[in-house]
Amino acid sequence: MRLDRNNAFEIEEEKSVPETITMVEQRQGLLQTADENQYSQSTATKTKSWSLLPQLSAETRSLLLKLGVLFAMDSLASGLASASWTIYFFSTKFGLEESKLGSLFFTTNILSSASNLVASSLARRVGLIKTMVFTHFPASLALVLIPLSSNVVIAMALLVFRASTSSMDQAPRQAFLAAAVTPSERTSVMGLVNVIKTLSQSAGPIITGYLASSGYFGVAFVVAGCLKILYDVLLLGLFLGYRTVEDKAQATVEQEVEREREESTDEQRDVA
């Protein structure tokens, strides 16, 4: 009996050893599987976060770099001579009353809105880039002349003239930006451009505030106008005659139509 019991204990011990090893292996397998799942989830999260960044072609990145610098320059100038600083300038230099300031900027806003209606028809005739430059340049020149005038009537006339042409480049600018990139990249490019413009414009009021506190309030308007003039010159030099994606697609279609027309003409000649 004792031998049977000892043999039974030995048999149970022999059975328990493989079972213990099997349990350990199963636990190790579960831990390894959990680690692999955690790694795969972290990798998927990283891939998803990277995929949130815009995927742009090399040509689009080059275009975005040029336009980003130009739009940052123009937006910085707009921040230097923002509407709030312009109101404060007319109030401090010429002592205009609140009622006159309200009437003045009511007029400028109406003219600025109405000028956008003219921009579309002008762009169809002379092109997007020329419309952007030829309407923006006079407004930039008027901005330079506003602080140099000592007569309130002349300064107000320059401001009204600037308002009548300064916004005419906005619609052609958006149309050019939309036509210059592919439809799949359009949203990403416009989003990046808006970020660049907003960040650049936010720095302008700080500079104007420093110049105004130092007694050089008018310098901010002169610098803003010069930056906008430089923007116009560079835009005209870099993008005059630039072929957008839509222009290239249209040219390809025209070439295909012309080729088919020539082939049909040759076939008719062969038949004749």
Protein backbone atom coordinates (compact mmCIF):
# COMPACT_ATOMS: atom_id res chain seq x y z
CA MET A 1 0.00 0.00 0.00
CA ARG A 2 2.77 2.33 0.85
CA LEU A 3 4.42 1.56 -2.46
CA ASP A 4 1.19 2.18 -4.27
CA ARG A 5 0.78 5.47 -2.47
CA ASN A 6 4.36 6.49 -3.25
CA ASN A 7 3.89 5.52 -6.86
CA ALA A 8 0.67 7.51 -6.98
CA PHE A 9 2.43 10.56 -5.53
CA GLU A 10 5.25 10.19 -8.04
CA ILE A 11 2.76 9.88 -10.89
CA GLU A 12 0.92 13.00 -9.70
CA GLU A 13 4.18 14.91 -9.40
CA GLU A 14 5.19 13.83 -12.91
CA LYS A 15 1.80 15.04 -14.21
CA SER A 16 1.94 18.31 -12.32
CA VAL A 17 5.36 19.27 -13.70
CA PRO A 18 4.27 19.39 -17.37
CA GLU A 19 1.05 21.08 -16.38
CA THR A 20 3.01 23.78 -14.53
CA ILE A 21 5.31 24.26 -17.50
CA THR A 22 2.31 24.49 -19.80
CA MET A 23 0.65 27.12 -17.61
CA VAL A 24 3.84 29.19 -17.55
CA GLU A 25 4.13 28.96 -21.32
CA GLN A 26 0.51 30.00 -21.70
CA ARG A 27 1.04 32.99 -19.42
CA GLN A 28 4.15 33.99 -21.37
CA GLY A 29 2.19 33.63 -24.58
CA LEU A 30 -0.60 35.83 -23.25
CA LEU A 31 1.89 38.47 -22.07
CA GLN A 32 3.64 38.40 -25.45
CA THR A 33 0.32 38.74 -27.25
CA ALA A 34 -0.65 41.65 -25.02
CA ASP A 35 2.69 43.34 -25.69
CA GLU A 36 2.25 42.84 -29.43
CA ASN A 37 -1.27 44.28 -29.31
CA GLN A 38 -0.07 47.27 -27.31
CA TYR A 39 2.78 47.84 -29.75
CA SER A 40 0.46 47.54 -32.74
CA GLN A 41 -1.97 50.01 -31.16
CA SER A 42 0.80 52.51 -30.44
CA THR A 43 2.14 52.09 -33.97
CA ALA A 44 -1.35 52.62 -35.40
CA THR A 45 -1.75 55.74 -33.26
CA LYS A 46 1.58 57.11 -34.50
CA THR A 47 0.65 56.31 -38.09
CA LYS A 48 -2.71 58.00 -37.63
CA SER A 49 -1.13 61.09 -36.09
CA TRP A 50 1.36 61.33 -38.93
CA SER A 51 -1.42 60.87 -41.48
CA LEU A 52 -3.14 63.94 -40.06
CA LEU A 53 -0.35 66.06 -41.55
CA PRO A 54 -1.04 67.20 -45.12
CA GLN A 55 0.56 65.07 -47.82
CA LEU A 56 1.64 67.51 -50.53
CA SER A 57 3.56 66.97 -53.73
CA ALA A 58 6.97 68.53 -54.31
CA GLU A 59 5.54 71.05 -56.77
CA THR A 60 2.84 72.08 -54.31
CA ARG A 61 5.36 72.46 -51.48
CA SER A 62 7.50 74.72 -53.63
CA LEU A 63 4.46 76.80 -54.56
CA LEU A 64 3.31 76.94 -50.95
CA LEU A 65 6.73 78.15 -49.80
CA LYS A 66 6.70 81.07 -52.24
CA LEU A 67 3.10 82.02 -51.59
CA GLY A 68 3.55 81.58 -47.84
CA VAL A 69 6.36 84.12 -47.73
CA LEU A 70 4.40 86.59 -49.87
CA PHE A 71 1.16 86.21 -47.94
CA ALA A 72 3.02 86.49 -44.63
CA MET A 73 4.50 89.78 -45.80
CA ASP A 74 1.12 91.13 -46.86
CA SER A 75 -0.59 89.96 -43.67
CA LEU A 76 2.10 91.50 -41.48
CA ALA A 77 1.54 94.80 -43.28
CA SER A 78 -2.21 94.49 -42.73
CA GLY A 79 -1.58 93.97 -39.03
CA LEU A 80 0.61 97.07 -38.89
CA ALA A 81 -2.20 99.20 -40.33
CA SER A 82 -5.27 97.42 -39.00
CA ALA A 83 -8.65 99.13 -38.82
CA SER A 84 -8.40 99.71 -35.08
CA TRP A 85 -5.00 101.38 -35.39
CA THR A 86 -6.23 103.45 -38.34
CA ILE A 87 -9.16 104.74 -36.27
CA TYR A 88 -6.81 105.57 -33.41
CA PHE A 89 -4.43 107.34 -35.81
CA PHE A 90 -7.15 109.60 -37.24
CA SER A 91 -8.42 110.27 -33.75
CA THR A 92 -5.06 111.27 -32.29
CA LYS A 93 -3.54 113.11 -35.24
CA PHE A 94 -6.56 114.95 -36.61
CA GLY A 95 -8.83 114.91 -33.57
CA LEU A 96 -11.84 113.56 -35.45
CA GLU A 97 -15.00 113.11 -33.45
CA GLU A 98 -16.57 109.69 -32.95
CA SER A 99 -19.50 110.48 -35.22
CA LYS A 100 -17.21 111.49 -38.08
CA LEU A 101 -15.04 108.43 -37.57
CA GLY A 102 -18.12 106.22 -37.70
CA SER A 103 -19.31 107.81 -40.93
CA LEU A 104 -15.83 107.58 -42.44
CA PHE A 105 -15.37 103.89 -41.79
CA PHE A 106 -18.96 103.13 -42.75
CA THR A 107 -18.15 104.57 -46.15
CA THR A 108 -14.89 102.65 -46.45
CA ASN A 109 -16.54 99.35 -45.56
CA ILE A 110 -19.30 99.85 -48.12
CA LEU A 111 -16.78 100.66 -50.84
CA SER A 112 -14.62 97.71 -49.86
CA SER A 113 -17.56 95.32 -50.16
CA ALA A 114 -18.76 96.76 -53.46
CA SER A 115 -15.30 96.57 -55.02
CA ASN A 116 -15.34 92.77 -54.79
CA LEU A 117 -18.14 92.69 -57.35
CA VAL A 118 -15.92 94.44 -59.89
CA ALA A 119 -12.94 92.18 -59.24
CA SER A 120 -14.51 89.09 -60.82
CA SER A 121 -15.24 90.75 -64.15
CA LEU A 122 -11.82 92.38 -64.18
CA ALA A 123 -10.11 89.05 -63.51
CA ARG A 124 -11.85 87.47 -66.52
CA ARG A 125 -10.41 90.14 -68.78
CA VAL A 126 -6.84 90.66 -67.56
CA GLY A 127 -6.18 87.52 -65.51
CA LEU A 128 -5.95 86.71 -61.82
CA ILE A 129 -2.38 87.84 -61.12
CA LYS A 130 -2.73 91.15 -62.93
CA THR A 131 -5.99 91.85 -61.14
CA MET A 132 -4.38 91.14 -57.78
CA VAL A 133 -1.42 93.42 -58.44
CA PHE A 134 -3.02 96.28 -60.37
CA THR A 135 -5.77 96.76 -57.79
CA HIS A 136 -3.59 96.22 -54.72
CA PHE A 137 -0.69 98.45 -55.72
CA PRO A 138 -2.61 101.78 -55.74
CA ALA A 139 -4.12 100.94 -52.35
CA SER A 140 -0.65 100.25 -50.96
CA LEU A 141 0.64 103.55 -52.32
CA ALA A 142 -2.27 105.39 -50.71
CA LEU A 143 -1.43 103.73 -47.39
CA VAL A 144 2.09 105.16 -47.56
CA LEU A 145 0.74 108.67 -48.26
CA ILE A 146 -1.87 108.76 -45.46
CA PRO A 147 0.52 109.56 -42.56
CA LEU A 148 2.48 111.99 -44.72
CA SER A 149 -0.55 114.22 -45.21
CA SER A 150 -1.16 117.06 -42.78
CA ASN A 151 -4.61 117.82 -44.17
CA VAL A 152 -7.46 115.78 -42.74
CA VAL A 153 -9.50 115.99 -45.95
CA ILE A 154 -6.62 114.63 -48.06
CA ALA A 155 -5.97 111.87 -45.53
CA MET A 156 -9.63 110.89 -45.53
CA ALA A 157 -9.71 110.91 -49.34
CA LEU A 158 -6.66 108.63 -49.45
CA LEU A 159 -8.29 106.28 -46.97
CA VAL A 160 -11.49 106.12 -49.00
CA PHE A 161 -9.52 105.52 -52.19
CA ARG A 162 -7.55 102.74 -50.50
CA ALA A 163 -10.75 101.08 -49.32
CA SER A 164 -12.20 101.12 -52.84
CA THR A 165 -9.33 99.00 -54.25
CA SER A 166 -7.61 97.20 -51.36
CA SER A 167 -10.11 94.31 -51.22
CA MET A 168 -10.30 93.65 -54.95
CA ASP A 169 -7.44 91.17 -54.76
CA GLN A 170 -9.11 88.82 -52.28
CA ALA A 171 -11.40 86.90 -54.64
CA PRO A 172 -8.73 86.53 -57.38
CA ARG A 173 -6.24 85.41 -54.73
CA GLN A 174 -8.53 82.61 -53.56
CA ALA A 175 -9.30 81.62 -57.13
CA PHE A 176 -5.62 81.48 -58.05
CA LEU A 177 -4.77 79.44 -54.96
CA ALA A 178 -7.57 76.99 -55.70
CA ALA A 179 -6.52 76.62 -59.34
CA ALA A 180 -2.81 76.28 -58.59
CA VAL A 181 -3.12 72.99 -56.67
CA THR A 182 -4.93 69.72 -57.23
CA PRO A 183 -8.40 69.24 -55.71
CA SER A 184 -7.06 66.68 -53.23
CA GLU A 185 -4.53 69.20 -51.88
CA ARG A 186 -6.77 72.25 -51.99
CA THR A 187 -8.16 72.06 -48.46
CA SER A 188 -4.76 71.41 -46.87
CA VAL A 189 -3.07 74.23 -48.76
CA MET A 190 -5.77 76.75 -47.94
CA GLY A 191 -5.67 75.73 -44.30
CA LEU A 192 -1.89 76.21 -44.12
CA VAL A 193 -2.13 79.56 -45.90
CA ASN A 194 -4.75 80.77 -43.42
CA VAL A 195 -2.52 79.74 -40.51
CA ILE A 196 0.43 81.62 -42.01
CA LYS A 197 -1.64 84.74 -42.63
CA THR A 198 -3.18 84.73 -39.16
CA LEU A 199 0.14 84.28 -37.35
CA SER A 200 1.82 86.97 -39.44
CA GLN A 201 -1.00 89.47 -38.98
CA SER A 202 -1.03 88.94 -35.22
CA ALA A 203 2.52 90.33 -34.96
CA GLY A 204 1.62 93.63 -36.63
CA PRO A 205 -0.30 95.35 -33.80
CA ILE A 206 2.57 94.74 -31.38
CA ILE A 207 5.01 96.54 -33.67
CA THR A 208 2.58 99.40 -34.28
CA GLY A 209 1.98 99.76 -30.55
CA TYR A 210 5.70 100.04 -29.90
CA LEU A 211 6.15 102.62 -32.68
CA ALA A 212 3.14 104.63 -31.49
CA SER A 213 4.42 104.72 -27.92
CA SER A 214 7.80 105.90 -29.21
CA GLY A 215 6.32 108.77 -31.19
CA TYR A 216 6.66 107.13 -34.62
CA PHE A 217 3.03 106.25 -35.24
CA GLY A 218 3.09 107.25 -38.89
CA VAL A 219 6.12 105.06 -39.57
CA ALA A 220 3.99 101.97 -39.07
CA PHE A 221 1.72 102.97 -41.96
CA VAL A 222 4.67 103.81 -44.21
CA VAL A 223 6.34 100.47 -43.47
CA ALA A 224 3.04 98.65 -44.03
CA GLY A 225 2.55 100.33 -47.40
CA CYS A 226 6.12 99.57 -48.49
CA LEU A 227 5.73 95.91 -47.53
CA LYS A 228 2.55 95.68 -49.55
CA ILE A 229 4.22 97.32 -52.55
CA LEU A 230 7.09 94.83 -52.29
CA TYR A 231 4.52 92.04 -52.10
CA ASP A 232 2.87 93.26 -55.31
CA VAL A 233 6.19 93.50 -57.17
CA LEU A 234 7.33 90.03 -56.09
CA LEU A 235 3.95 88.50 -56.86
CA LEU A 236 3.98 89.94 -60.35
CA GLY A 237 7.55 88.84 -60.97
CA LEU A 238 7.16 85.29 -59.66
CA PHE A 239 3.72 84.34 -60.92
CA LEU A 240 3.01 86.35 -64.05
CA GLY A 241 2.34 83.74 -66.72
CA TYR A 242 2.28 80.91 -64.18
CA ARG A 243 0.35 77.90 -65.46
CA THR A 244 -1.96 76.48 -62.84
CA VAL A 245 -3.15 72.89 -62.61
CA GLU A 246 -6.39 73.84 -64.34
CA ASP A 247 -4.47 75.60 -67.13
CA LYS A 248 -2.32 72.51 -67.67
CA ALA A 249 -5.35 70.24 -67.72
CA GLN A 250 -7.13 72.48 -70.19
CA ALA A 251 -4.04 72.59 -72.42
CA THR A 252 -3.84 68.78 -72.35
CA VAL A 253 -7.49 68.49 -73.38
CA GLU A 254 -6.98 70.98 -76.19
CA GLN A 255 -3.95 69.08 -77.44
CA GLU A 256 -5.90 65.82 -77.39
CA VAL A 257 -8.77 67.37 -79.31
CA GLU A 258 -6.36 68.84 -81.86
CA ARG A 259 -4.62 65.48 -82.27
CA GLU A 260 -7.93 63.68 -82.85
CA ARG A 261 -8.93 66.36 -85.35
CA GLU A 262 -5.70 65.90 -87.26
CA GLU A 263 -6.12 62.12 -87.27
CA SER A 264 -9.68 62.40 -88.59
CA THR A 265 -8.48 64.80 -91.29
CA ASP A 266 -5.75 62.38 -92.35
CA GLU A 267 -8.26 59.52 -92.52
CA GLN A 268 -10.57 61.57 -94.71
CA ARG A 269 -7.68 62.35 -97.04
CA ASP A 270 -6.76 58.67 -97.26
CA VAL A 271 -10.36 57.77 -98.11
CA ALA A 272 -10.52 60.47 -100.75
